[in-house]
Protein backbone atom coordinates (compact mmCIF):
# COMPACT_ATOMS: atom_id res chain seq x y z
CA MET A 1 71.01 114.88 125.29
CA PRO A 2 73.38 117.57 124.02
CA ARG A 3 76.04 118.75 126.45
CA SER A 4 75.24 122.41 125.83
CA ILE A 5 72.92 124.67 123.92
CA ARG A 6 72.57 128.43 124.02
CA SER A 7 69.78 130.53 122.58
CA GLU A 8 69.30 133.82 120.76
CA SER A 9 66.12 133.30 118.75
CA ASP A 10 62.58 132.47 119.90
CA LEU A 11 61.91 130.95 116.49
CA TRP A 12 64.38 128.11 116.88
CA ARG A 13 62.09 125.27 117.89
CA ARG A 14 62.42 121.80 119.30
CA GLU A 15 60.56 120.22 116.39
CA ARG A 16 63.20 121.48 113.93
CA PHE A 17 66.34 120.42 115.74
CA GLY A 18 65.18 118.24 118.63
CA VAL A 19 66.72 120.68 121.12
CA MET A 20 64.96 122.08 124.19
CA ARG A 21 65.35 125.86 123.93
CA ILE A 22 62.92 128.70 124.65
CA GLY A 23 63.91 132.36 124.32
CA SER A 24 67.24 133.07 125.96
CA VAL A 25 66.89 130.38 128.65
CA ASP A 26 69.95 128.21 129.07
CA PHE A 27 68.74 124.75 130.04
CA ARG A 28 72.15 123.81 131.40
CA ALA A 29 71.03 125.54 134.59
CA HIS A 30 68.60 122.66 135.12
CA LEU A 31 71.34 120.04 135.02
CA LYS A 32 72.51 118.71 138.34
CA PRO A 33 76.24 117.99 138.20
CA ASN A 34 77.70 115.40 140.48
CA ALA A 35 79.42 117.74 142.92
CA LYS A 36 80.88 114.87 144.93
CA ALA A 37 82.46 113.29 141.87
CA ASN A 38 83.81 116.64 140.71
CA ALA A 39 85.32 117.25 144.12
CA LYS A 40 87.16 113.94 143.87
CA LEU A 41 88.51 114.88 140.47
CA ASP A 42 89.68 118.27 141.71
CA ALA A 43 91.50 116.80 144.68
CA LYS A 44 95.30 116.74 144.50
CA PRO A 45 96.32 113.14 145.12
CA ALA A 46 99.78 111.80 145.63
CA GLY A 47 101.77 110.01 142.94
CA ILE A 48 101.92 110.98 139.28
CA PHE A 49 99.06 113.49 139.59
CA ALA A 50 100.87 115.64 142.18
CA GLY A 51 103.49 117.27 139.98
CA ALA A 52 105.66 120.28 140.61
CA HIS A 53 103.11 122.52 138.91
CA GLY A 54 100.30 121.44 141.25
CA PHE A 55 98.06 119.91 138.57
CA SER A 56 94.80 118.50 139.89
CA ARG A 57 93.56 115.13 138.73
CA ARG A 58 90.93 116.88 136.58
CA GLN A 59 93.54 119.06 134.86
CA PHE A 60 95.75 116.04 134.25
CA LEU A 61 92.93 113.99 132.73
CA LEU A 62 91.77 116.89 130.52
CA THR A 63 95.29 117.38 129.22
CA VAL A 64 95.77 113.69 128.48
CA SER A 65 92.38 113.42 126.74
CA SER A 66 93.21 116.44 124.58
CA LEU A 67 96.52 114.93 123.50
CA ILE A 68 94.83 111.62 122.68
CA ALA A 69 92.17 113.39 120.60
CA PHE A 70 94.84 115.39 118.77
CA CYS A 71 96.91 112.30 117.96
CA ASP A 72 93.81 110.38 116.87
CA ALA A 73 92.74 113.14 114.46
CA GLN A 74 96.21 113.38 112.95
CA ALA A 75 96.39 109.61 112.49
CA HIS A 76 93.69 109.52 109.83
CA ASP A 77 93.27 111.47 106.59
CA PHE A 78 89.48 111.41 106.41
CA HIS A 79 88.12 114.77 107.58
CA VAL A 80 84.56 115.50 106.45
CA SER A 81 81.78 117.78 107.64
CA ILE A 82 78.15 118.26 106.63
CA CYS A 83 76.21 121.51 106.57
CA ASP A 84 72.47 121.73 105.85
CA ILE A 85 70.91 125.02 104.74
CA LYS A 86 67.15 125.37 104.43
CA PHE A 87 64.60 128.19 104.45
CA ASN A 88 61.97 127.91 107.18
CA PRO A 89 58.70 129.52 105.99
CA ARG A 90 57.31 129.54 109.54
CA SER A 91 60.09 131.72 110.92
CA GLY A 92 61.02 133.52 107.71
CA ASN A 93 64.67 132.67 108.37
CA THR A 94 67.20 130.52 106.54
CA GLU A 95 68.52 127.91 108.97
CA ILE A 96 72.09 126.58 108.91
CA VAL A 97 73.21 123.45 110.75
CA HIS A 98 76.86 122.30 110.74
CA SER A 99 77.95 118.83 111.92
CA TYR A 100 81.62 118.04 112.59
CA PRO A 101 83.40 115.01 114.09
CA MET A 102 84.03 115.93 117.71
CA HIS A 103 87.66 114.76 117.70
CA ASP A 104 88.45 117.00 114.71
CA ILE A 105 87.00 120.06 116.44
CA GLU A 106 88.77 119.21 119.69
CA SER A 107 92.08 118.78 117.87
CA ALA A 108 91.70 122.11 116.06
CA PHE A 109 90.76 123.84 119.32
CA TRP A 110 93.86 122.41 120.98
CA LEU A 111 96.06 123.63 118.11
CA MET A 112 94.57 127.13 118.25
CA TYR A 113 94.28 127.67 121.99
CA GLY A 114 96.49 125.04 123.60
CA ARG A 115 93.85 123.53 125.84
CA GLN A 116 90.87 121.21 126.01
CA MET A 117 87.59 122.56 124.63
CA ASP A 118 84.53 122.64 126.89
CA THR A 119 81.32 123.64 125.08
CA THR A 120 79.52 124.14 128.39
CA LEU A 121 81.68 127.23 128.96
CA ALA A 122 80.42 130.48 127.47
CA ALA A 123 84.01 131.56 126.77
CA ASP A 124 84.69 128.46 124.64
CA GLU A 125 81.43 128.85 122.76
CA ALA A 126 82.40 132.46 122.05
CA LEU A 127 85.71 131.24 120.57
CA LEU A 128 83.84 128.81 118.32
CA ARG A 129 81.48 131.57 117.25
CA THR A 130 84.36 133.87 116.30
CA TYR A 131 86.05 131.05 114.39
CA PHE A 132 82.91 130.21 112.39
CA ASP A 133 82.17 133.89 111.70
CA LYS A 134 85.62 134.13 110.10
CA ASN A 135 85.62 130.88 108.14
CA PHE A 136 81.99 130.45 107.04
CA VAL A 137 80.78 133.41 104.98
CA ILE A 138 77.72 133.95 102.77
CA GLU A 139 77.46 136.78 100.22
CA THR A 140 74.84 138.21 97.88
CA ALA A 141 75.29 138.70 94.13
CA LYS A 142 76.48 142.25 94.89
CA LYS A 143 79.32 140.90 97.07
CA SER A 144 77.56 142.06 100.22
CA GLN A 145 78.24 139.78 103.18
CA LEU A 146 75.08 138.54 104.88
CA LYS A 147 74.93 138.72 108.65
CA ILE A 148 74.81 135.18 110.02
CA ARG A 149 73.28 134.99 113.49
CA TRP A 150 74.73 132.50 115.95
CA VAL A 151 72.00 130.42 117.57
CA GLY A 152 73.82 127.79 119.58
CA VAL A 153 76.04 124.75 119.81
CA SER A 154 75.49 121.22 121.06
CA SER A 155 77.79 118.23 121.33
CA ASP A 156 78.06 114.60 122.31
CA ALA A 157 80.96 112.16 122.32
CA ASP A 158 80.98 111.90 118.51
CA THR A 159 79.63 115.09 116.98
CA LEU A 160 79.71 118.84 117.45
CA THR A 161 76.70 120.65 115.96
CA VAL A 162 76.60 124.39 115.31
CA TYR A 163 73.29 126.20 114.71
CA GLN A 164 73.13 129.47 112.79
CA GLU A 165 70.49 131.41 110.85
CA LEU A 166 70.02 134.23 108.36
CA PRO A 167 67.17 136.32 109.79
CA GLY A 168 64.57 137.28 107.21
CA VAL A 169 66.69 136.01 104.31
CA ARG A 170 65.50 133.62 101.61
CA LEU A 171 67.80 131.31 99.67
CA ALA A 172 67.38 133.40 96.52
CA SER A 173 69.46 136.11 98.19
CA ILE A 174 72.47 133.80 98.50
CA ALA A 175 74.96 133.97 95.65
CA THR A 176 78.20 132.54 97.07
CA ILE A 177 79.28 130.54 100.11
CA GLN A 178 82.77 130.39 101.57
CA ASN A 179 83.55 127.46 103.84
CA LYS A 180 87.13 127.16 105.13
CA VAL A 181 86.34 125.57 108.50
CA LEU A 182 89.20 123.31 109.71
CA MET A 183 91.08 123.53 106.41
CA GLU A 184 94.06 125.30 107.95
CA HIS A 185 94.53 122.31 110.26
CA PHE A 186 93.67 119.33 108.00
CA PRO A 187 94.92 119.41 104.38
CA THR A 188 92.33 116.82 103.28
CA GLN A 189 89.38 118.52 104.98
CA THR A 190 86.20 118.39 102.87
CA ASN A 191 83.12 120.40 103.84
CA ASN A 192 79.86 119.37 102.16
CA VAL A 193 77.03 121.91 102.12
CA ASN A 194 73.51 120.74 101.23
CA VAL A 195 71.19 123.57 100.19
CA ARG A 196 67.47 122.78 100.06
CA THR A 197 65.70 125.02 97.54
CA ASP A 198 62.66 127.05 98.58
CA GLY A 199 59.13 125.75 98.26
CA ALA A 200 57.40 122.41 98.49
CA GLY A 201 59.03 119.65 96.50
CA GLY A 202 62.27 121.57 96.25
CA THR A 203 65.52 119.91 95.34
CA THR A 204 68.82 119.74 97.21
CA LYS A 205 72.03 121.11 95.76
CA THR A 206 75.29 119.88 97.27
CA LEU A 207 78.43 122.00 97.24
CA MET A 208 81.81 120.45 98.08
CA PHE A 209 84.53 122.63 99.61
CA ASP A 210 88.22 121.80 99.99
CA ARG A 211 91.48 123.74 100.06
CA LYS A 212 91.36 124.29 96.30
CA ASN A 213 87.69 125.27 96.34
CA THR A 214 86.88 127.36 99.40
CA VAL A 215 84.27 129.51 97.61
CA GLN A 216 81.33 128.12 95.63
CA ARG A 217 78.54 129.81 93.72
CA LEU A 218 74.98 128.86 94.56
CA THR A 219 73.31 130.93 91.85
């Protein structure tokens, strides 16, 4: 079960992504957090957790986990993402799904904002949305930037998934794609974009983006 998912389009269906979303309903409201456990984490115990700055146990653990994730991401040189783009004839929209290793996203978030990312917070999702709007861009043959609509984000321990769409746009309208996500943080970052051509029996074209090739032509 994803940790969070937010909605902006009634046409984004469970059968496409396996995510429970209807209209603008946020299904996180139906989750029942363990209030007792959270209260224990927020308590200020004695010992190493009770520092001069009054850190709670929760704050301490979040900080430590962020540092561990950052160090882990920097320790390896293999940074790869996958993006799938496909036109949905039922909705009339082109759907975009990005998948990134969770520790890479958490490390980048820490570098940019100096704190642990929490995708269940609307503020953190808004930061991700702004970041993707800036670093993932699609243009037409006339150099006109297409408006990419943010649909939602979900995550588990291993993967962060971002859902976007181009409302009422077919793949034939796409001329170039720019994908610079995470490249300012990881020199070896490679972003693979799989584009499924329109129509039954269509083929898949894969574009590979790195620091030397941040813009690729589709047509």
